[in-house]
Amino acid sequence: MDQELHRPPSIKGQDEDRLAELGYKQELTRNWSLLHNFGVSFSIISIITGITTLFEYGLSTGGPGVMSVGWIVVCFFTFFVALGMAEIVSAIPTSGGPYFWAAILAPDDKSAFYSWITGWFNLLGQVAVTTGITFGCAELISTTATIGTSYTPTAGKTIGIYAALLTSHALINSFGVSFLRYLNNTSILLHSVGVTCFAIAILSKAPIHQSAKAVFATFYDGTGETPSPGWSVRASPAYVAVCGILMAQYTITGFDASAHLSEETNNAAWNAPLGVLMSVGVSAVFGFFLLISLLFCIQDFATTVDSSIGQPVTQILIDIFGNKGAIALMTLIIVCVWHAGLFSMTSNSRMMFGFARDRGLPPFFTTVDARFQAPIRTISLAAFLAFLLAIPSLGSSVAFSAATSIATIGLYLSYGLPILIGLIYPSNFKKGPFNLRAASRPIATVACLYIGFITVVFCLPELNPVNSQTLNYTPVAVGIVALWAFGSWFLWARKWFTGPIRQIEAERMGISAIDDPAAFDEYERDGKTDGNVSIKAPL
C-alpha cells in the first residue's frame, strides 16, 4: 500500500500535471507518440508538395543553381530556427504554440501584447500554408487532367477543385479523428518510402542526365515578362537569387505542428521538441535528394521551363515515362499533397482552438465536440479562411507564389517573436528537458536575424514589370494582418485581452475562463489580477 502511495506519476499523468501548471485541463485526447508527432510536421512540410508546386517558380527565378545551392543554405539556417523553437516547446508544451510562448517569456506588463501580435501572425501563416498546400494540389489535379485529353484548366475550375479538397479535409478532421493516426502513418510512408522510390525511378529511367555543373552552377532569369528584361538586368543576379530561395524556404515550413499537437502527444516535453527537429532534419535530407533527382533528369531545359502543360515536373515525367507513366506518378504526388493539406488543417485548427481558448478569437470557437473529440468550429473556420485567401487567384498570375510567401512570412515571424523575446528577457525563460545551454543565445540570435532577412526578401516584386497581374500582394496581406493586430490591440483588445498569463492565475483561484467565462470576467473587473505581480505558471 505504501508503495502505491509513493509510486511516481505515469508519463501521461506528468503531461497532464504540466498542462495543469500552465493553466489548462486536458481536453484533447493524448495518445500520439513521437513518431506520430514527427509525422504530422513531416507531412505538413511535405517536401514533394513544396518542390513540385514551386518547381516552375524555382526554374524561372534563379534556375537549377539557385534551387540546389539555395536548398542547402536555407536548410542550414532553418535548423537554427528549429533548435530555438524546440528549446521553447520543451519548456512550454501547449497547443497554443508561439502565441502562448510569447506570453510566458515576456514580462508580465507586456505579455498580453506580445501574445496577441504573435497569435495573429501565426494564424495568418497557418491559414496561408493550408491555402498553399491545398491550392497547389488543385493545380496539380488540373494539370494532370490535361495529359492526353482535351481538358482545359481555368481559374474557376481550379477554385472548384480547391473547394472540394478543403471540404474533404474538413470532414475528415471533424468526424474522423480516430483515423488521423492511421492516415498519419500512411503519410509518413508516402513521404519517405514513396518519395524515395519516385526519385530512384526517374533517375534510373531518364534517357539522359544533366551534368553536375548544369545542376549546381546554372543561373537562369525568367522573371521578365516579354518584352521586359528580368530582375537580373533591372536590379542584379543577387536579387533574383535571394527571391529564388522561396521554393526551399516555403517547403521547410509548418514544423510548429509538433508544438500545436503537444497536448495530444505523450511525454510532450521531450517528444514535441524532437518532433520539430526530426521533421526539419529528415525533410532537409529527403528534399535535397528529390530536388537534385528532378534537376539531373531534366531532358531539355528550354522545353521544361516553358512547358505547354504549365508544370515542369509533369513535363519531366512525360519526357521520361510517357503520358501513362506520368499520370501514375503525378497521382502519387497528388496523394502526398492531399495528406499534407489534411494535416495542415489539423495543425491550423488546433492553433485556432488554443487562441480562442485564450480569448484571442470569440469564445464560440472554444468548443470541442463531445462525440468526435474534435474542435469542429475551428476546423470549419480554417477551411473558410483558406478558401478566402485563394480568391485572388481568379485575377492574378502570381497568386500562388504570393500565398506561399504569406505563409512563409506569417509562420516564421510567429516562430521568431518568441525566440526574440526569450533572447531579450532570458530571466523569464525556464528551460525544459531539451536545453541548448551555452549555445542557446547564439542560436537564437542567428535564427532571429535570418527570419528578419527572409521577411524583407519575400515581400519584394517577383516579376518585371510590376502591374495588376504581376503584383506580389504578400506585403498587402501581411500589412493588413499587421494593421489589424496592432490597430485592434491599441483600440480595444488591450482593454480585455489578458493573454494566457492571467488565466493561469485565475485557474489557481479555481476560476475557469472556459467553463465559467462570466466568473472570469467578474474576477478581472474586481481587479484581482495585478499586472505588476509575477503570475507566470511554474516552469
Protein backbone atom coordinates (compact mmCIF):
# COMPACT_ATOMS: atom_id res chain seq x y z
CA MET A 1 0.00 0.00 0.00
CA ASP A 2 2.86 2.33 0.91
CA GLN A 3 4.42 1.62 -2.50
CA GLU A 4 1.15 2.57 -4.20
CA LEU A 5 1.12 5.93 -2.40
CA HIS A 6 4.69 6.75 -3.43
CA ARG A 7 4.55 5.44 -6.98
CA PRO A 8 5.71 8.20 -9.37
CA PRO A 9 3.07 9.51 -11.76
CA SER A 10 2.89 7.96 -15.21
CA ILE A 11 4.22 9.81 -18.25
CA LYS A 12 0.64 10.63 -19.21
CA GLY A 13 -0.01 11.89 -15.69
CA GLN A 14 3.10 14.05 -15.82
CA ASP A 15 1.92 15.54 -19.12
CA GLU A 16 -1.47 16.40 -17.65
CA ASP A 17 0.13 17.82 -14.50
CA ARG A 18 2.41 20.01 -16.60
CA LEU A 19 -0.57 21.22 -18.64
CA ALA A 20 -2.42 21.99 -15.40
CA GLU A 21 0.59 24.01 -14.21
CA LEU A 22 0.23 26.05 -17.39
CA GLY A 23 -3.42 26.72 -16.51
CA TYR A 24 -5.30 24.21 -18.66
CA LYS A 25 -7.13 20.94 -18.21
CA GLN A 26 -6.66 18.00 -20.56
CA GLU A 27 -9.44 18.30 -23.15
CA LEU A 28 -7.90 16.72 -26.25
CA THR A 29 -7.15 13.00 -26.39
CA ARG A 30 -3.45 12.38 -25.57
CA ASN A 31 -2.40 9.27 -27.49
CA TRP A 32 0.21 10.45 -30.00
CA SER A 33 3.75 9.05 -29.90
CA LEU A 34 7.00 10.70 -31.04
CA LEU A 35 6.55 9.04 -34.43
CA HIS A 36 3.04 10.45 -34.79
CA ASN A 37 4.12 13.90 -33.63
CA PHE A 38 7.06 13.90 -36.07
CA GLY A 39 4.82 12.52 -38.79
CA VAL A 40 2.37 15.42 -38.71
CA SER A 41 5.11 18.05 -39.09
CA PHE A 42 6.89 15.89 -41.70
CA SER A 43 3.61 15.59 -43.61
CA ILE A 44 2.89 19.32 -43.45
CA ILE A 45 6.43 20.19 -44.56
CA SER A 46 5.78 17.69 -47.34
CA ILE A 47 8.92 18.08 -49.43
CA ILE A 48 7.15 16.79 -52.51
CA THR A 49 4.48 19.49 -52.12
CA GLY A 50 6.79 22.49 -51.93
CA ILE A 51 9.26 21.24 -54.51
CA THR A 52 6.62 20.14 -57.04
CA THR A 53 4.28 23.12 -56.76
CA LEU A 54 7.08 25.74 -56.80
CA PHE A 55 9.43 23.96 -59.20
CA GLU A 56 8.39 26.29 -62.03
CA TYR A 57 8.99 29.31 -59.80
CA GLY A 58 12.45 27.99 -58.91
CA LEU A 59 13.46 27.32 -62.52
CA SER A 60 12.38 30.82 -63.56
CA THR A 61 13.84 32.61 -60.52
CA GLY A 62 17.48 31.65 -60.49
CA GLY A 63 17.36 28.26 -62.17
CA PRO A 64 18.94 24.96 -61.05
CA GLY A 65 21.97 26.59 -59.40
CA VAL A 66 19.87 28.71 -57.03
CA MET A 67 17.47 25.81 -56.39
CA SER A 68 20.16 23.30 -55.42
CA VAL A 69 22.61 25.51 -53.52
CA GLY A 70 19.73 27.56 -52.11
CA TRP A 71 18.23 24.40 -50.61
CA ILE A 72 21.41 23.71 -48.65
CA VAL A 73 21.69 27.30 -47.40
CA VAL A 74 18.01 27.52 -46.42
CA CYS A 75 18.04 24.21 -44.55
CA PHE A 76 21.19 25.22 -42.67
CA PHE A 77 19.69 28.45 -41.33
CA THR A 78 16.23 26.97 -40.81
CA PHE A 79 17.73 24.41 -38.44
CA PHE A 80 18.76 27.32 -36.18
CA VAL A 81 15.09 28.36 -36.07
CA ALA A 82 14.05 24.76 -35.34
CA LEU A 83 16.55 24.50 -32.48
CA GLY A 84 15.26 27.72 -30.94
CA MET A 85 11.67 26.52 -31.25
CA ALA A 86 12.47 23.07 -29.86
CA GLU A 87 14.00 24.54 -26.71
CA ILE A 88 10.89 26.65 -26.11
CA VAL A 89 8.31 23.93 -26.79
CA SER A 90 10.17 21.65 -24.37
CA ALA A 91 9.61 24.23 -21.64
CA ILE A 92 6.05 25.19 -22.68
CA PRO A 93 4.25 22.23 -24.36
CA THR A 94 0.77 23.58 -25.18
CA SER A 95 -1.40 23.55 -28.31
CA GLY A 96 -1.32 27.36 -28.50
CA GLY A 97 2.32 27.22 -29.54
CA PRO A 98 4.06 30.51 -30.44
CA TYR A 99 1.50 32.98 -29.04
CA PHE A 100 1.47 31.16 -25.69
CA TRP A 101 5.27 31.03 -25.63
CA ALA A 102 5.40 34.78 -26.27
CA ALA A 103 3.14 35.41 -23.27
CA ILE A 104 5.11 33.17 -20.94
CA LEU A 105 8.52 34.54 -21.96
CA ALA A 106 7.61 38.24 -21.93
CA PRO A 107 7.49 40.47 -18.83
CA ASP A 108 4.08 40.49 -17.14
CA ASP A 109 3.19 44.01 -18.30
CA LYS A 110 3.94 43.14 -21.95
CA SER A 111 2.85 39.50 -22.11
CA ALA A 112 -0.67 40.11 -23.43
CA PHE A 113 0.59 42.44 -26.19
CA TYR A 114 3.25 40.01 -27.44
CA SER A 115 0.80 37.13 -27.23
CA TRP A 116 -1.81 38.99 -29.30
CA ILE A 117 0.63 40.02 -32.06
CA THR A 118 2.30 36.61 -32.27
CA GLY A 119 -1.05 34.83 -32.32
CA TRP A 120 -2.34 36.79 -35.30
CA PHE A 121 0.83 36.32 -37.34
CA ASN A 122 0.75 32.60 -36.57
CA LEU A 123 -2.90 32.42 -37.59
CA LEU A 124 -2.08 34.17 -40.88
CA GLY A 125 0.76 31.77 -41.59
CA GLN A 126 -1.31 28.72 -40.66
CA VAL A 127 -4.16 29.73 -42.98
CA ALA A 128 -1.76 30.60 -45.82
CA VAL A 129 0.06 27.25 -45.51
CA THR A 130 -3.26 25.40 -45.79
CA THR A 131 -4.05 27.57 -48.82
CA GLY A 132 -0.67 26.99 -50.45
CA ILE A 133 -0.70 23.22 -49.99
CA THR A 134 -4.30 22.55 -50.97
CA PHE A 135 -4.44 25.08 -53.81
CA GLY A 136 -1.21 23.55 -55.12
CA CYS A 137 -2.91 20.16 -55.01
CA ALA A 138 -5.84 21.56 -57.00
CA GLU A 139 -3.45 22.92 -59.64
CA LEU A 140 -1.69 19.55 -59.87
CA ILE A 141 -5.02 17.81 -60.41
CA SER A 142 -5.94 20.32 -63.14
CA THR A 143 -2.58 19.85 -64.84
CA THR A 144 -2.71 16.04 -64.67
CA ALA A 145 -6.19 16.09 -66.16
CA THR A 146 -4.79 17.71 -69.32
CA ILE A 147 -2.38 14.85 -70.11
CA GLY A 148 -3.65 13.14 -73.24
CA THR A 149 -7.07 14.81 -73.01
CA SER A 150 -8.85 17.92 -74.28
CA TYR A 151 -9.46 19.23 -70.76
CA THR A 152 -8.61 22.92 -70.41
CA PRO A 153 -7.92 24.23 -66.89
CA THR A 154 -9.35 27.60 -65.90
CA ALA A 155 -9.07 29.62 -62.70
CA GLY A 156 -12.73 28.91 -61.94
CA LYS A 157 -12.34 25.14 -62.35
CA THR A 158 -9.24 25.13 -60.17
CA ILE A 159 -11.07 27.03 -57.42
CA GLY A 160 -13.86 24.45 -57.61
CA ILE A 161 -11.40 21.58 -57.19
CA TYR A 162 -9.77 23.51 -54.36
CA ALA A 163 -13.11 23.91 -52.54
CA ALA A 164 -13.78 20.17 -52.84
CA LEU A 165 -10.35 19.34 -51.41
CA LEU A 166 -10.85 21.73 -48.47
CA THR A 167 -14.22 20.11 -47.79
CA SER A 168 -12.68 16.63 -47.73
CA HIS A 169 -10.02 17.78 -45.25
CA ALA A 170 -12.59 19.49 -43.02
CA LEU A 171 -14.85 16.44 -42.93
CA ILE A 172 -12.06 14.02 -42.02
CA ASN A 173 -10.65 16.36 -39.37
CA SER A 174 -14.12 16.84 -37.90
CA PHE A 175 -15.56 13.35 -37.94
CA GLY A 176 -12.60 11.05 -38.48
CA VAL A 177 -10.23 11.99 -35.67
CA SER A 178 -9.77 8.33 -34.77
CA PHE A 179 -8.46 7.69 -38.30
CA LEU A 180 -5.96 10.55 -38.32
CA ARG A 181 -3.25 8.46 -36.67
CA TYR A 182 -3.57 5.79 -39.35
CA LEU A 183 -3.59 8.36 -42.14
CA ASN A 184 -0.55 9.88 -40.46
CA ASN A 185 1.28 6.55 -40.70
CA THR A 186 0.31 6.33 -44.37
CA SER A 187 1.57 9.88 -44.92
CA ILE A 188 4.94 9.09 -43.33
CA LEU A 189 5.37 6.10 -45.67
CA LEU A 190 4.32 8.13 -48.71
CA HIS A 191 6.69 11.00 -47.92
CA SER A 192 9.66 8.76 -47.13
CA VAL A 193 9.47 5.43 -48.95
CA GLY A 194 7.18 6.77 -51.68
CA VAL A 195 9.29 9.84 -52.42
CA THR A 196 12.49 7.78 -52.36
CA CYS A 197 11.07 5.28 -54.86
CA PHE A 198 9.84 8.17 -57.00
CA ALA A 199 13.31 9.74 -57.11
CA ILE A 200 15.05 6.41 -57.83
CA ALA A 201 12.55 5.66 -60.62
CA ILE A 202 13.17 8.89 -62.51
CA LEU A 203 16.96 8.64 -62.06
CA SER A 204 17.06 5.08 -63.39
CA LYS A 205 14.62 5.63 -66.26
CA ALA A 206 15.80 9.01 -67.57
CA PRO A 207 17.42 8.65 -71.03
CA ILE A 208 19.95 11.40 -70.31
CA HIS A 209 21.19 13.15 -67.17
CA GLN A 210 22.32 16.73 -66.73
CA SER A 211 25.90 17.39 -65.64
CA ALA A 212 26.78 18.44 -62.10
CA LYS A 213 27.69 21.85 -63.46
CA ALA A 214 24.24 22.22 -65.02
CA VAL A 215 22.57 21.30 -61.71
CA PHE A 216 24.72 23.29 -59.29
CA ALA A 217 26.05 26.20 -61.36
CA THR A 218 23.37 27.13 -63.92
CA PHE A 219 21.75 30.52 -63.38
CA TYR A 220 18.55 31.38 -65.25
CA ASP A 221 16.46 34.53 -65.04
CA GLY A 222 12.90 34.18 -66.30
CA THR A 223 11.48 36.98 -64.18
CA GLY A 224 10.90 39.35 -67.09
CA GLU A 225 7.51 39.47 -68.81
CA THR A 226 8.15 39.82 -72.57
CA PRO A 227 9.43 42.24 -73.78
CA SER A 228 10.70 43.50 -70.41
CA PRO A 229 14.06 42.29 -69.04
CA GLY A 230 14.33 40.17 -65.91
CA TRP A 231 15.33 41.43 -62.48
CA SER A 232 18.94 40.33 -63.03
CA VAL A 233 19.17 43.13 -65.61
CA ARG A 234 16.99 45.71 -63.90
CA ALA A 235 18.49 45.00 -60.45
CA SER A 236 21.14 42.26 -60.15
CA PRO A 237 21.55 38.46 -60.28
CA ALA A 238 21.78 38.52 -56.46
CA TYR A 239 18.25 39.97 -56.33
CA VAL A 240 16.95 37.04 -58.39
CA ALA A 241 18.89 34.54 -56.27
CA VAL A 242 17.50 35.74 -52.93
CA CYS A 243 13.97 35.76 -54.34
CA GLY A 244 14.57 32.26 -55.70
CA ILE A 245 15.09 30.69 -52.26
CA LEU A 246 11.32 30.93 -51.69
CA MET A 247 10.87 27.40 -53.05
CA ALA A 248 13.14 25.92 -50.38
CA GLN A 249 12.01 28.19 -47.55
CA TYR A 250 8.30 27.62 -48.20
CA THR A 251 8.87 23.88 -48.32
CA ILE A 252 10.52 23.82 -44.88
CA THR A 253 7.59 25.43 -43.05
CA GLY A 254 4.90 24.05 -40.78
CA PHE A 255 7.14 22.27 -38.28
CA ASP A 256 5.36 24.16 -35.46
CA ALA A 257 2.69 21.48 -35.89
CA SER A 258 4.68 19.38 -33.42
CA ALA A 259 4.08 22.14 -30.87
CA HIS A 260 0.38 22.55 -31.68
CA LEU A 261 -0.10 18.81 -31.15
CA SER A 262 1.86 18.70 -27.89
CA GLU A 263 -1.35 18.42 -25.83
CA GLU A 264 -2.12 15.22 -27.76
CA THR A 265 1.46 13.85 -27.51
CA ASN A 266 2.77 11.58 -24.78
CA ASN A 267 5.90 12.80 -22.94
CA ALA A 268 5.45 16.11 -24.74
CA ALA A 269 8.37 17.92 -23.09
CA TRP A 270 10.72 15.56 -24.95
CA ASN A 271 8.73 14.24 -27.90
CA ALA A 272 7.42 17.60 -29.15
CA PRO A 273 10.89 19.24 -29.49
CA LEU A 274 12.29 16.05 -31.01
CA GLY A 275 9.36 16.07 -33.44
CA VAL A 276 10.31 19.62 -34.51
CA LEU A 277 13.98 18.77 -35.09
CA MET A 278 13.38 15.39 -36.74
CA SER A 279 10.84 16.83 -39.18
CA VAL A 280 13.23 19.58 -40.31
CA GLY A 281 16.32 17.32 -40.48
CA VAL A 282 14.65 14.44 -42.29
CA SER A 283 12.86 16.81 -44.70
CA ALA A 284 16.15 18.55 -45.49
CA VAL A 285 17.81 15.26 -46.48
CA PHE A 286 14.90 13.72 -48.37
CA GLY A 287 14.09 17.05 -50.03
CA PHE A 288 17.62 17.52 -51.32
CA PHE A 289 17.63 14.02 -52.79
CA LEU A 290 14.28 14.63 -54.51
CA LEU A 291 15.28 18.06 -55.79
CA ILE A 292 18.59 17.07 -57.36
CA SER A 293 16.96 13.93 -58.82
CA LEU A 294 14.49 16.12 -60.70
CA LEU A 295 17.18 18.59 -61.76
CA PHE A 296 19.52 15.86 -63.05
CA CYS A 297 16.64 14.31 -65.01
CA ILE A 298 15.57 17.40 -66.97
CA GLN A 299 15.71 16.23 -70.58
CA ASP A 300 15.56 19.64 -72.25
CA PHE A 301 15.78 22.76 -70.12
CA ALA A 302 14.04 25.12 -72.57
CA THR A 303 11.13 22.72 -73.08
CA THR A 304 10.80 22.12 -69.36
CA VAL A 305 10.88 25.74 -68.22
CA ASP A 306 8.45 26.84 -70.96
CA SER A 307 6.28 23.69 -70.89
CA SER A 308 2.96 23.97 -72.70
CA ILE A 309 1.47 21.95 -69.84
CA GLY A 310 2.49 24.68 -67.41
CA GLN A 311 4.02 22.31 -64.84
CA PRO A 312 7.72 21.47 -65.32
CA VAL A 313 7.68 18.41 -63.04
CA THR A 314 4.85 16.95 -65.10
CA GLN A 315 6.85 17.73 -68.26
CA ILE A 316 9.90 15.90 -66.87
CA LEU A 317 7.75 12.85 -66.12
CA ILE A 318 6.18 12.89 -69.60
CA ASP A 319 9.62 13.15 -71.21
CA ILE A 320 10.84 10.15 -69.21
CA PHE A 321 7.80 7.86 -68.81
CA GLY A 322 5.30 8.99 -71.43
CA ASN A 323 1.71 10.02 -70.72
CA LYS A 324 0.55 6.93 -68.81
CA GLY A 325 3.62 6.76 -66.61
CA ALA A 326 3.43 10.49 -65.93
CA ILE A 327 -0.21 10.19 -64.85
CA ALA A 328 0.66 7.33 -62.46
CA LEU A 329 3.49 9.25 -60.80
CA MET A 330 1.53 12.51 -60.70
CA THR A 331 -1.20 10.58 -58.87
CA LEU A 332 1.37 9.58 -56.25
CA ILE A 333 2.38 13.23 -55.88
CA ILE A 334 -1.25 14.36 -55.60
CA VAL A 335 -1.96 11.79 -52.86
CA CYS A 336 1.09 13.04 -50.92
CA VAL A 337 -0.01 16.65 -51.28
CA TRP A 338 -3.57 15.75 -50.22
CA HIS A 339 -2.23 14.24 -47.00
CA ALA A 340 -0.13 17.37 -46.38
CA GLY A 341 -3.22 19.57 -46.75
CA LEU A 342 -5.18 17.33 -44.40
CA PHE A 343 -2.64 17.62 -41.59
CA SER A 344 -2.08 21.32 -42.25
CA MET A 345 -5.75 21.83 -41.40
CA THR A 346 -5.29 19.63 -38.31
CA SER A 347 -2.49 21.88 -37.05
CA ASN A 348 -4.32 25.04 -38.13
CA SER A 349 -7.49 24.17 -36.25
CA ARG A 350 -5.56 23.29 -33.07
CA MET A 351 -3.80 26.64 -33.12
CA MET A 352 -7.14 28.44 -33.53
CA PHE A 353 -8.66 26.36 -30.75
CA GLY A 354 -5.84 27.32 -28.39
CA PHE A 355 -6.06 31.00 -29.39
CA ALA A 356 -9.84 31.02 -28.88
CA ARG A 357 -9.41 29.31 -25.50
CA ASP A 358 -7.26 32.29 -24.51
CA ARG A 359 -9.89 34.70 -25.92
CA GLY A 360 -7.85 35.74 -28.97
CA LEU A 361 -10.82 34.53 -31.03
CA PRO A 362 -14.51 34.62 -29.98
CA PRO A 363 -15.47 32.02 -27.32
CA PHE A 364 -17.74 30.38 -29.91
CA PHE A 365 -14.62 28.63 -31.21
CA THR A 366 -13.58 27.05 -27.88
CA THR A 367 -15.94 24.08 -28.20
CA VAL A 368 -14.59 20.53 -28.55
CA ASP A 369 -17.27 18.20 -29.89
CA ALA A 370 -18.02 15.64 -27.15
CA ARG A 371 -18.79 12.81 -29.56
CA PHE A 372 -15.99 13.24 -32.08
CA GLN A 373 -13.38 14.82 -29.76
CA ALA A 374 -12.54 17.46 -32.36
CA PRO A 375 -12.68 21.29 -32.43
CA ILE A 376 -15.18 21.26 -35.30
CA ARG A 377 -15.85 25.00 -35.25
CA THR A 378 -12.19 25.97 -35.66
CA ILE A 379 -11.82 23.31 -38.37
CA SER A 380 -14.67 24.98 -40.29
CA LEU A 381 -13.11 28.39 -39.72
CA ALA A 382 -9.74 27.15 -41.00
CA ALA A 383 -11.34 25.83 -44.20
CA PHE A 384 -13.32 29.04 -44.77
CA LEU A 385 -10.35 31.38 -44.30
CA ALA A 386 -8.14 29.21 -46.53
CA PHE A 387 -10.76 29.45 -49.27
CA LEU A 388 -10.95 33.25 -48.97
CA LEU A 389 -7.17 33.60 -49.28
CA ALA A 390 -7.25 31.79 -52.65
CA ILE A 391 -9.85 34.09 -54.22
CA PRO A 392 -7.20 36.46 -55.72
CA SER A 393 -6.07 33.54 -57.92
CA LEU A 394 -9.05 34.35 -60.15
CA GLY A 395 -7.30 37.53 -61.31
CA SER A 396 -3.59 37.24 -60.54
CA SER A 397 -0.79 35.32 -62.26
CA VAL A 398 1.36 35.33 -59.12
CA ALA A 399 -1.36 34.46 -56.59
CA PHE A 400 0.07 31.06 -55.71
CA SER A 401 3.62 32.25 -55.10
CA ALA A 402 2.18 35.17 -53.11
CA ALA A 403 0.22 32.73 -50.92
CA THR A 404 3.40 30.77 -50.28
CA SER A 405 5.26 33.98 -49.40
CA ILE A 406 2.48 34.96 -46.98
CA ALA A 407 2.65 31.52 -45.37
CA THR A 408 6.41 31.70 -45.02
CA ILE A 409 6.47 35.22 -43.56
CA GLY A 410 3.48 34.72 -41.26
CA LEU A 411 4.78 31.48 -39.81
CA TYR A 412 8.42 32.49 -39.46
CA LEU A 413 7.50 35.80 -37.80
CA SER A 414 5.43 33.86 -35.28
CA TYR A 415 8.36 31.45 -34.79
CA GLY A 416 10.83 34.29 -34.39
CA LEU A 417 8.93 36.52 -31.97
CA PRO A 418 9.03 34.07 -29.01
CA ILE A 419 12.68 33.28 -29.77
CA LEU A 420 13.46 37.02 -29.79
CA ILE A 421 11.50 37.60 -26.57
CA GLY A 422 13.39 34.77 -24.88
CA LEU A 423 16.62 36.35 -26.09
CA ILE A 424 15.72 39.80 -24.73
CA TYR A 425 14.28 38.55 -21.42
CA PRO A 426 16.36 35.47 -20.56
CA SER A 427 15.36 35.53 -16.88
CA ASN A 428 11.80 34.55 -17.85
CA PHE A 429 12.95 31.51 -19.84
CA LYS A 430 12.95 28.49 -17.52
CA LYS A 431 14.30 25.68 -19.67
CA GLY A 432 12.69 22.28 -20.10
CA PRO A 433 14.47 18.94 -20.51
CA PHE A 434 15.63 19.92 -24.03
CA ASN A 435 18.21 22.57 -23.14
CA LEU A 436 20.76 24.13 -25.52
CA ARG A 437 22.67 25.60 -22.54
CA ALA A 438 25.54 27.89 -23.64
CA ALA A 439 24.56 27.61 -27.31
CA SER A 440 21.03 28.88 -26.65
CA ARG A 441 21.60 32.60 -27.13
CA PRO A 442 23.91 32.41 -30.19
CA ILE A 443 21.45 30.07 -31.89
CA ALA A 444 18.52 32.38 -31.06
CA THR A 445 20.44 35.38 -32.45
CA VAL A 446 21.15 33.67 -35.78
CA ALA A 447 17.52 32.48 -36.02
CA CYS A 448 16.10 35.98 -35.45
CA LEU A 449 18.46 37.66 -37.93
CA TYR A 450 17.63 35.09 -40.59
CA ILE A 451 13.88 35.48 -40.08
CA GLY A 452 14.26 39.25 -40.44
CA PHE A 453 16.12 38.72 -43.72
CA ILE A 454 13.54 36.43 -45.34
CA THR A 455 10.66 38.65 -44.18
CA VAL A 456 12.05 41.50 -46.29
CA VAL A 457 13.08 39.34 -49.25
CA PHE A 458 9.71 37.64 -49.77
CA CYS A 459 7.89 40.97 -49.93
CA LEU A 460 9.92 42.03 -52.99
CA PRO A 461 8.43 42.03 -56.53
CA GLU A 462 8.88 38.71 -58.33
CA LEU A 463 8.15 39.63 -61.95
CA ASN A 464 9.10 42.64 -64.07
CA PRO A 465 7.29 44.88 -64.91
CA VAL A 466 5.08 45.23 -61.84
CA ASN A 467 1.41 45.63 -62.74
CA SER A 468 -2.00 44.43 -61.56
CA GLN A 469 -1.31 40.91 -62.84
CA THR A 470 2.24 40.54 -61.50
CA LEU A 471 1.97 42.45 -58.21
CA ASN A 472 3.30 40.45 -55.29
CA TYR A 473 0.43 41.04 -52.86
CA THR A 474 2.35 39.47 -49.97
CA PRO A 475 3.14 42.84 -48.31
CA VAL A 476 -0.52 43.80 -48.72
CA ALA A 477 -1.80 40.68 -46.95
CA VAL A 478 0.89 40.79 -44.27
CA GLY A 479 0.32 44.53 -43.87
CA ILE A 480 -3.43 44.07 -43.40
CA VAL A 481 -2.85 41.49 -40.66
CA ALA A 482 -0.18 43.67 -39.03
CA LEU A 483 -2.52 46.68 -39.17
CA TRP A 484 -5.33 44.60 -37.68
CA ALA A 485 -3.14 43.09 -34.96
CA PHE A 486 -1.54 46.37 -33.84
CA GLY A 487 -4.59 48.56 -34.51
CA SER A 488 -7.05 46.30 -32.73
CA TRP A 489 -4.68 45.99 -29.78
CA PHE A 490 -4.36 49.74 -29.21
CA LEU A 491 -8.03 50.50 -29.98
CA TRP A 492 -9.79 47.84 -27.93
CA ALA A 493 -8.08 44.47 -27.42
CA ARG A 494 -5.70 45.83 -24.77
CA LYS A 495 -8.77 46.60 -22.64
CA TRP A 496 -9.89 42.97 -22.41
CA PHE A 497 -7.31 40.55 -23.85
CA THR A 498 -5.15 39.40 -20.98
CA GLY A 499 -3.46 36.53 -22.80
CA PRO A 500 -2.95 33.18 -21.14
CA ILE A 501 -0.94 34.60 -18.23
CA ARG A 502 -3.85 36.00 -16.23
CA GLN A 503 -5.96 32.97 -16.99
CA ILE A 504 -3.32 30.91 -15.26
CA GLU A 505 -3.72 32.96 -12.11
CA ALA A 506 -7.50 32.62 -12.34
CA GLU A 507 -7.18 28.85 -12.67
CA ARG A 508 -5.12 28.83 -9.50
CA MET A 509 -8.02 30.63 -7.79
CA GLY A 510 -10.40 27.97 -9.04
CA ILE A 511 -11.98 30.10 -11.80
CA SER A 512 -12.00 28.75 -15.36
CA ALA A 513 -12.19 31.21 -18.26
CA ILE A 514 -13.61 28.43 -20.44
CA ASP A 515 -16.04 26.71 -18.09
CA ASP A 516 -17.25 29.90 -16.38
CA PRO A 517 -16.44 32.96 -18.52
CA ALA A 518 -18.83 35.18 -16.52
CA ALA A 519 -16.97 34.44 -13.30
CA PHE A 520 -13.65 35.07 -15.06
CA ASP A 521 -14.85 38.47 -16.32
CA GLU A 522 -16.04 39.39 -12.83
CA TYR A 523 -12.68 38.23 -11.46
CA GLU A 524 -10.88 40.65 -13.80
CA ARG A 525 -13.28 43.54 -13.18
CA ASP A 526 -12.73 43.20 -9.46
CA GLY A 527 -9.04 43.83 -10.09
CA LYS A 528 -7.87 40.54 -8.68
CA THR A 529 -5.16 40.25 -11.27
CA ASP A 530 -2.26 42.56 -10.91
CA GLY A 531 -0.09 43.15 -13.95
CA ASN A 532 2.78 44.20 -11.70
CA VAL A 533 2.90 40.90 -9.89
CA SER A 534 4.57 37.87 -11.38
CA ILE A 535 1.80 35.40 -12.16
CA LYS A 536 3.59 33.07 -14.52
CA ALA A 537 2.90 29.40 -14.23
CA PRO A 538 5.73 27.47 -12.59
CA LEU A 539 8.31 26.44 -15.14
